[in-house]
């Protein structure tokens, strides 16, 4: 018995709901599909499919076996794609995971140019601020903001993720401009709500450190929401430079406490990460090399 063909026949019978339709899908005779599924059940000594003149239904063990069979077929297809992708010219489907704001602002606008350069690559993009498991989500590469918390991934730096303290000139007309971190106690500080640590802002200058507990009337889990509030003169916020650089350059925002550093070494840079199993992938290498060239060559805030 050819186990892979038997698995394929079994999966297609379940998907199509009939032996004849599965046979047409596979381009073989119905008797061949029936024989393969029968041989599989004989080999397993278990009934996988209940047959009747009206319909086919999976047994309890058949339901469990179907899920495993689908995964095996997908894994083999992925393995074959990886071999092809690693063998030379970048090609195949590239599954990318992106954080929402950074992905929308800085990666998505660059994808058309990448696809123009590599016409044999198809891109499947997922945008989420959740830290996904690359193995479980079957992602080839992910863009991560901040420190890389695991050594099981290979990381390459894309650009800076420095945070800057900012407010609008209109807000500062109604409130004293902070000169020292302690001045923030009298300001409406807009914060992230990921954890309690985001209610503390740390600043460093000439070996001196100040850690301030801050508070305000808005907390959010999205940097775009905080940026919009700052632009509407609601308060001050610590926001990533890649998000607010255009606002500061245009004068819509003012950078505050410039002589102070914000948490040196934190929150880390923007990295592209991938599994060691993708180390030799031509499509992954092409994508990351493309991003590094784009950001280091064209974006002023990357240095």
Protein backbone atom coordinates (compact mmCIF):
# COMPACT_ATOMS: atom_id res chain seq x y z
CA UNK A 1 0.00 0.00 0.00
CA UNK A 2 1.20 3.48 -0.87
CA UNK A 3 0.50 5.24 2.42
CA UNK A 4 0.65 8.78 1.05
CA UNK A 5 -1.77 8.01 -1.80
CA UNK A 6 -4.07 6.26 0.67
CA UNK A 7 -4.02 9.28 2.99
CA UNK A 8 -4.70 11.60 0.06
CA UNK A 9 -7.62 9.44 -1.09
CA UNK A 10 -9.08 9.33 2.42
CA UNK A 11 -8.82 13.12 2.87
CA UNK A 12 -10.41 13.82 -0.52
CA UNK A 13 -13.28 11.40 0.16
CA UNK A 14 -14.01 13.28 3.38
CA UNK A 15 -13.66 16.68 1.71
CA UNK A 16 -15.88 15.76 -1.24
CA UNK A 17 -18.37 13.66 0.71
CA UNK A 18 -18.37 10.85 -1.87
CA UNK A 19 -15.95 8.34 -3.39
CA UNK A 20 -16.95 9.23 -6.95
CA UNK A 21 -16.41 12.98 -6.48
CA UNK A 22 -13.06 12.33 -4.77
CA UNK A 23 -12.03 10.13 -7.70
CA UNK A 24 -12.88 12.88 -10.20
CA UNK A 25 -10.91 15.38 -8.12
CA UNK A 26 -7.88 13.08 -8.10
CA UNK A 27 -8.27 12.05 -11.73
CA UNK A 28 -8.50 8.30 -11.01
CA UNK A 29 -11.16 5.62 -11.10
CA UNK A 30 -13.67 5.38 -8.25
CA UNK A 31 -12.61 1.79 -7.67
CA UNK A 32 -9.03 2.95 -7.10
CA UNK A 33 -10.10 5.43 -4.41
CA UNK A 34 -12.32 2.83 -2.75
CA UNK A 35 -9.49 0.30 -2.75
CA UNK A 36 -7.01 2.81 -1.22
CA UNK A 37 -9.37 3.75 1.62
CA UNK A 38 -10.24 0.10 2.25
CA UNK A 39 -6.52 -0.78 2.38
CA UNK A 40 -5.89 2.09 4.80
CA UNK A 41 -8.62 0.86 7.14
CA UNK A 42 -7.30 -2.71 6.90
CA UNK A 43 -3.81 -1.48 7.71
CA UNK A 44 -5.08 0.44 10.75
CA UNK A 45 -7.55 -2.28 11.75
CA UNK A 46 -10.09 0.47 12.28
CA UNK A 47 -13.18 1.78 10.51
CA UNK A 48 -12.65 5.41 9.52
CA UNK A 49 -15.73 6.07 7.37
CA UNK A 50 -19.31 4.86 7.87
CA UNK A 51 -20.70 4.10 4.42
CA UNK A 52 -24.38 4.12 3.51
CA UNK A 53 -26.35 4.54 0.32
CA UNK A 54 -27.32 8.07 1.39
CA UNK A 55 -24.10 9.58 2.76
CA UNK A 56 -20.68 9.06 4.27
CA UNK A 57 -19.86 9.97 7.86
CA UNK A 58 -16.65 9.78 9.83
CA UNK A 59 -16.38 7.53 12.84
CA UNK A 60 -15.02 9.03 16.05
CA UNK A 61 -11.57 7.65 15.33
CA UNK A 62 -11.97 8.76 11.71
CA UNK A 63 -12.50 12.37 12.83
CA UNK A 64 -9.26 12.30 14.81
CA UNK A 65 -7.37 10.54 12.03
CA UNK A 66 -8.59 13.01 9.41
CA UNK A 67 -7.05 15.96 11.27
CA UNK A 68 -3.70 14.14 11.47
CA UNK A 69 -3.84 13.14 7.81
CA UNK A 70 -4.51 16.71 6.68
CA UNK A 71 -1.55 17.92 8.75
CA UNK A 72 0.76 15.27 7.27
CA UNK A 73 -0.19 16.25 3.73
CA UNK A 74 0.30 19.95 4.50
CA UNK A 75 3.68 19.28 6.12
CA UNK A 76 4.89 17.36 3.08
CA UNK A 77 3.71 20.12 0.75
CA UNK A 78 5.50 22.70 2.90
CA UNK A 79 8.68 20.62 2.94
CA UNK A 80 8.63 20.35 -0.84
CA UNK A 81 8.06 24.10 -1.16
CA UNK A 82 10.99 24.80 1.16
CA UNK A 83 13.33 22.63 -0.92
CA UNK A 84 12.26 24.45 -4.07
CA UNK A 85 12.57 27.85 -2.35
CA UNK A 86 16.03 27.03 -1.01
CA UNK A 87 17.35 25.78 -4.32
CA UNK A 88 17.91 29.11 -5.99
CA UNK A 89 15.54 31.74 -7.35
CA UNK A 90 13.10 33.06 -4.71
CA UNK A 91 9.68 31.60 -5.38
CA UNK A 92 6.59 30.26 -3.65
CA UNK A 93 4.27 31.58 -0.96
CA UNK A 94 5.88 33.82 1.68
CA UNK A 95 3.82 33.95 4.88
CA UNK A 96 4.52 37.16 6.81
CA UNK A 97 3.31 38.24 10.24
CA UNK A 98 3.31 42.01 10.93
CA UNK A 99 2.42 44.25 13.89
CA UNK A 100 -0.57 46.34 12.92
CA UNK A 101 0.63 49.97 12.98
CA UNK A 102 4.18 49.36 11.80
CA UNK A 103 2.95 46.93 9.17
CA UNK A 104 0.34 49.31 7.77
CA UNK A 105 2.63 52.35 7.78
CA UNK A 106 5.99 50.96 6.76
CA UNK A 107 5.78 47.41 5.39
CA UNK A 108 2.55 47.28 3.36
CA UNK A 109 3.49 50.29 1.18
CA UNK A 110 6.74 48.54 0.25
CA UNK A 111 5.21 45.17 -0.68
CA UNK A 112 4.27 46.15 -4.27
CA UNK A 113 7.91 46.98 -5.05
CA UNK A 114 9.06 43.70 -3.51
CA UNK A 115 6.56 41.76 -5.62
CA UNK A 116 7.68 43.64 -8.72
CA UNK A 117 11.26 42.53 -8.09
CA UNK A 118 10.28 38.94 -7.25
CA UNK A 119 7.32 38.02 -9.47
CA UNK A 120 7.56 34.31 -8.55
CA UNK A 121 6.75 35.03 -4.90
CA UNK A 122 3.21 35.19 -3.53
CA UNK A 123 2.72 36.98 -0.19
CA UNK A 124 0.28 35.95 2.53
CA UNK A 125 0.16 38.70 5.18
CA UNK A 126 -1.33 38.61 8.67
CA UNK A 127 -1.45 41.79 10.76
CA UNK A 128 -1.75 41.38 14.51
CA UNK A 129 -0.19 42.84 17.62
CA UNK A 130 -0.17 39.40 19.25
CA UNK A 131 3.18 37.58 19.45
CA UNK A 132 2.42 34.56 17.32
CA UNK A 133 4.12 31.19 17.38
CA UNK A 134 5.80 30.93 13.97
CA UNK A 135 5.59 27.15 13.96
CA UNK A 136 1.92 26.93 14.87
CA UNK A 137 0.95 29.79 12.53
CA UNK A 138 3.16 28.41 9.76
CA UNK A 139 4.71 31.86 9.24
CA UNK A 140 7.99 32.17 7.33
CA UNK A 141 8.99 35.51 8.84
CA UNK A 142 7.63 37.99 11.38
CA UNK A 143 8.41 41.59 12.18
CA UNK A 144 8.86 42.11 15.92
CA UNK A 145 9.07 45.39 17.82
CA UNK A 146 11.25 45.52 20.90
CA UNK A 147 13.41 42.95 22.58
CA UNK A 148 13.47 39.41 21.22
CA UNK A 149 12.51 37.26 24.18
CA UNK A 150 13.52 33.88 22.80
CA UNK A 151 16.74 32.37 21.49
CA UNK A 152 14.84 29.88 19.33
CA UNK A 153 14.49 32.46 16.53
CA UNK A 154 17.03 34.05 14.21
CA UNK A 155 16.72 37.85 14.26
CA UNK A 156 18.00 40.53 11.89
CA UNK A 157 17.73 44.23 12.70
CA UNK A 158 15.56 46.33 10.39
CA UNK A 159 15.54 49.75 12.06
CA UNK A 160 15.26 51.69 15.30
CA UNK A 161 12.30 51.38 17.65
CA UNK A 162 13.39 54.28 19.86
CA UNK A 163 10.63 55.96 21.84
CA UNK A 164 10.38 59.72 22.15
CA UNK A 165 8.38 61.93 24.49
CA UNK A 166 6.12 64.25 22.51
CA UNK A 167 3.21 66.66 22.66
CA UNK A 168 1.71 69.30 20.39
CA UNK A 169 2.58 73.01 20.52
CA UNK A 170 -1.10 73.70 21.27
CA UNK A 171 -0.99 71.44 24.34
CA UNK A 172 2.21 73.10 25.54
CA UNK A 173 0.64 76.56 25.24
CA UNK A 174 -1.78 75.55 27.99
CA UNK A 175 0.73 73.60 30.07
CA UNK A 176 4.29 74.33 31.11
CA UNK A 177 6.84 72.58 28.90
CA UNK A 178 8.52 69.87 31.02
CA UNK A 179 12.24 70.54 31.58
CA UNK A 180 12.90 67.62 33.93
CA UNK A 181 11.26 64.18 34.18
CA UNK A 182 9.74 65.20 37.53
CA UNK A 183 7.74 67.91 35.70
CA UNK A 184 5.65 65.16 34.12
CA UNK A 185 3.82 64.72 37.42
CA UNK A 186 1.67 67.72 36.47
CA UNK A 187 0.97 66.54 32.90
CA UNK A 188 -1.66 64.30 31.35
CA UNK A 189 0.49 61.32 30.37
CA UNK A 190 -1.07 58.94 27.86
CA UNK A 191 0.18 55.38 28.29
CA UNK A 192 0.03 51.87 26.89
CA UNK A 193 -2.07 49.40 28.86
CA UNK A 194 -0.06 46.25 28.14
CA UNK A 195 1.12 46.04 31.77
CA UNK A 196 1.53 48.10 34.92
CA UNK A 197 5.17 48.76 33.96
CA UNK A 198 3.94 51.10 31.23
CA UNK A 199 2.75 53.48 33.96
CA UNK A 200 6.40 54.06 34.85
CA UNK A 201 8.61 56.09 32.50
CA UNK A 202 12.39 55.91 32.98
CA UNK A 203 14.83 58.59 31.83
CA UNK A 204 18.64 58.70 31.92
CA UNK A 205 21.16 61.52 31.71
CA UNK A 206 24.87 61.63 32.58
CA UNK A 207 24.65 58.48 34.66
CA UNK A 208 21.60 59.75 36.50
CA UNK A 209 18.33 57.85 36.32
CA UNK A 210 14.82 58.98 37.10
CA UNK A 211 11.85 56.65 37.12
CA UNK A 212 8.53 58.43 37.20
CA UNK A 213 5.10 57.02 37.90
CA UNK A 214 2.86 58.77 35.40
CA UNK A 215 -0.87 58.92 34.92
CA UNK A 216 -3.46 60.30 32.57
CA UNK A 217 -6.97 59.93 31.25
CA UNK A 218 -6.17 57.58 28.37
CA UNK A 219 -4.54 54.16 28.17
CA UNK A 220 -4.54 52.08 24.98
CA UNK A 221 -3.00 48.94 23.50
CA UNK A 222 -2.43 50.63 20.15
CA UNK A 223 0.17 53.28 19.32
CA UNK A 224 -2.00 54.82 16.60
CA UNK A 225 -4.74 55.55 19.16
CA UNK A 226 -2.26 57.31 21.44
CA UNK A 227 -0.80 59.27 18.52
CA UNK A 228 -4.26 60.53 17.53
CA UNK A 229 -4.89 61.67 21.09
CA UNK A 230 -1.58 63.54 21.19
CA UNK A 231 -2.37 65.23 17.87
CA UNK A 232 -5.72 66.33 19.34
CA UNK A 233 -3.77 68.06 22.18
CA UNK A 234 -4.98 65.65 24.88
CA UNK A 235 -1.60 65.09 26.55
CA UNK A 236 1.97 63.82 26.25
CA UNK A 237 3.06 60.31 25.30
CA UNK A 238 6.09 58.10 24.78
CA UNK A 239 5.71 56.92 21.20
CA UNK A 240 7.96 55.06 18.75
CA UNK A 241 10.05 57.29 16.50
CA UNK A 242 8.89 55.42 13.38
CA UNK A 243 5.34 56.53 14.16
CA UNK A 244 5.80 60.21 15.02
CA UNK A 245 8.85 61.23 13.00
CA UNK A 246 6.70 62.89 10.28
CA UNK A 247 4.67 64.74 12.95
CA UNK A 248 7.82 66.07 14.62
CA UNK A 249 9.38 67.03 11.29
CA UNK A 250 6.26 68.94 10.24
CA UNK A 251 5.97 70.74 13.57
CA UNK A 252 2.66 69.12 14.51
CA UNK A 253 4.43 67.59 17.50
CA UNK A 254 7.32 68.72 19.65
CA UNK A 255 9.91 66.34 21.05
CA UNK A 256 10.33 66.84 24.80
CA UNK A 257 13.22 66.19 27.23
CA UNK A 258 15.62 65.76 24.30
CA UNK A 259 18.67 65.89 26.58
CA UNK A 260 17.38 62.80 28.39
CA UNK A 261 17.49 59.24 27.07
CA UNK A 262 14.47 56.99 27.37
CA UNK A 263 15.36 53.60 28.85
CA UNK A 264 18.70 52.89 27.06
CA UNK A 265 18.59 49.58 25.24
CA UNK A 266 14.84 49.42 25.55
CA UNK A 267 12.42 48.74 24.06
CA UNK A 268 14.81 47.30 21.51
CA UNK A 269 14.85 47.66 17.75
CA UNK A 270 12.61 46.45 14.95
CA UNK A 271 13.70 42.97 13.85
CA UNK A 272 12.73 40.41 11.26
CA UNK A 273 12.65 36.98 12.91
CA UNK A 274 12.39 33.50 11.48
CA UNK A 275 12.86 29.88 12.50
CA UNK A 276 16.24 28.16 12.04
CA UNK A 277 14.51 25.80 9.60
CA UNK A 278 14.03 28.79 7.26
CA UNK A 279 17.70 29.75 7.42
CA UNK A 280 18.39 28.72 3.83
CA UNK A 281 15.11 29.95 2.36
CA UNK A 282 15.73 32.15 -0.66
CA UNK A 283 12.35 33.88 -0.34
CA UNK A 284 12.91 34.72 3.35
CA UNK A 285 16.42 35.99 2.66
CA UNK A 286 15.20 38.08 -0.28
CA UNK A 287 12.45 39.69 1.80
CA UNK A 288 14.65 40.56 4.77
CA UNK A 289 17.49 41.86 2.57
CA UNK A 290 14.93 44.00 0.76
CA UNK A 291 13.65 45.52 4.02
CA UNK A 292 17.13 46.22 5.36
CA UNK A 293 18.09 48.00 2.16
CA UNK A 294 14.84 49.97 2.13
CA UNK A 295 15.03 51.21 5.71
CA UNK A 296 18.75 51.78 6.02
CA UNK A 297 18.86 53.55 2.69
CA UNK A 298 15.71 55.67 2.68
CA UNK A 299 14.44 56.29 6.22
CA UNK A 300 16.05 59.06 8.24
CA UNK A 301 15.07 57.74 11.67
CA UNK A 302 16.67 54.31 11.21
CA UNK A 303 20.20 55.27 12.29
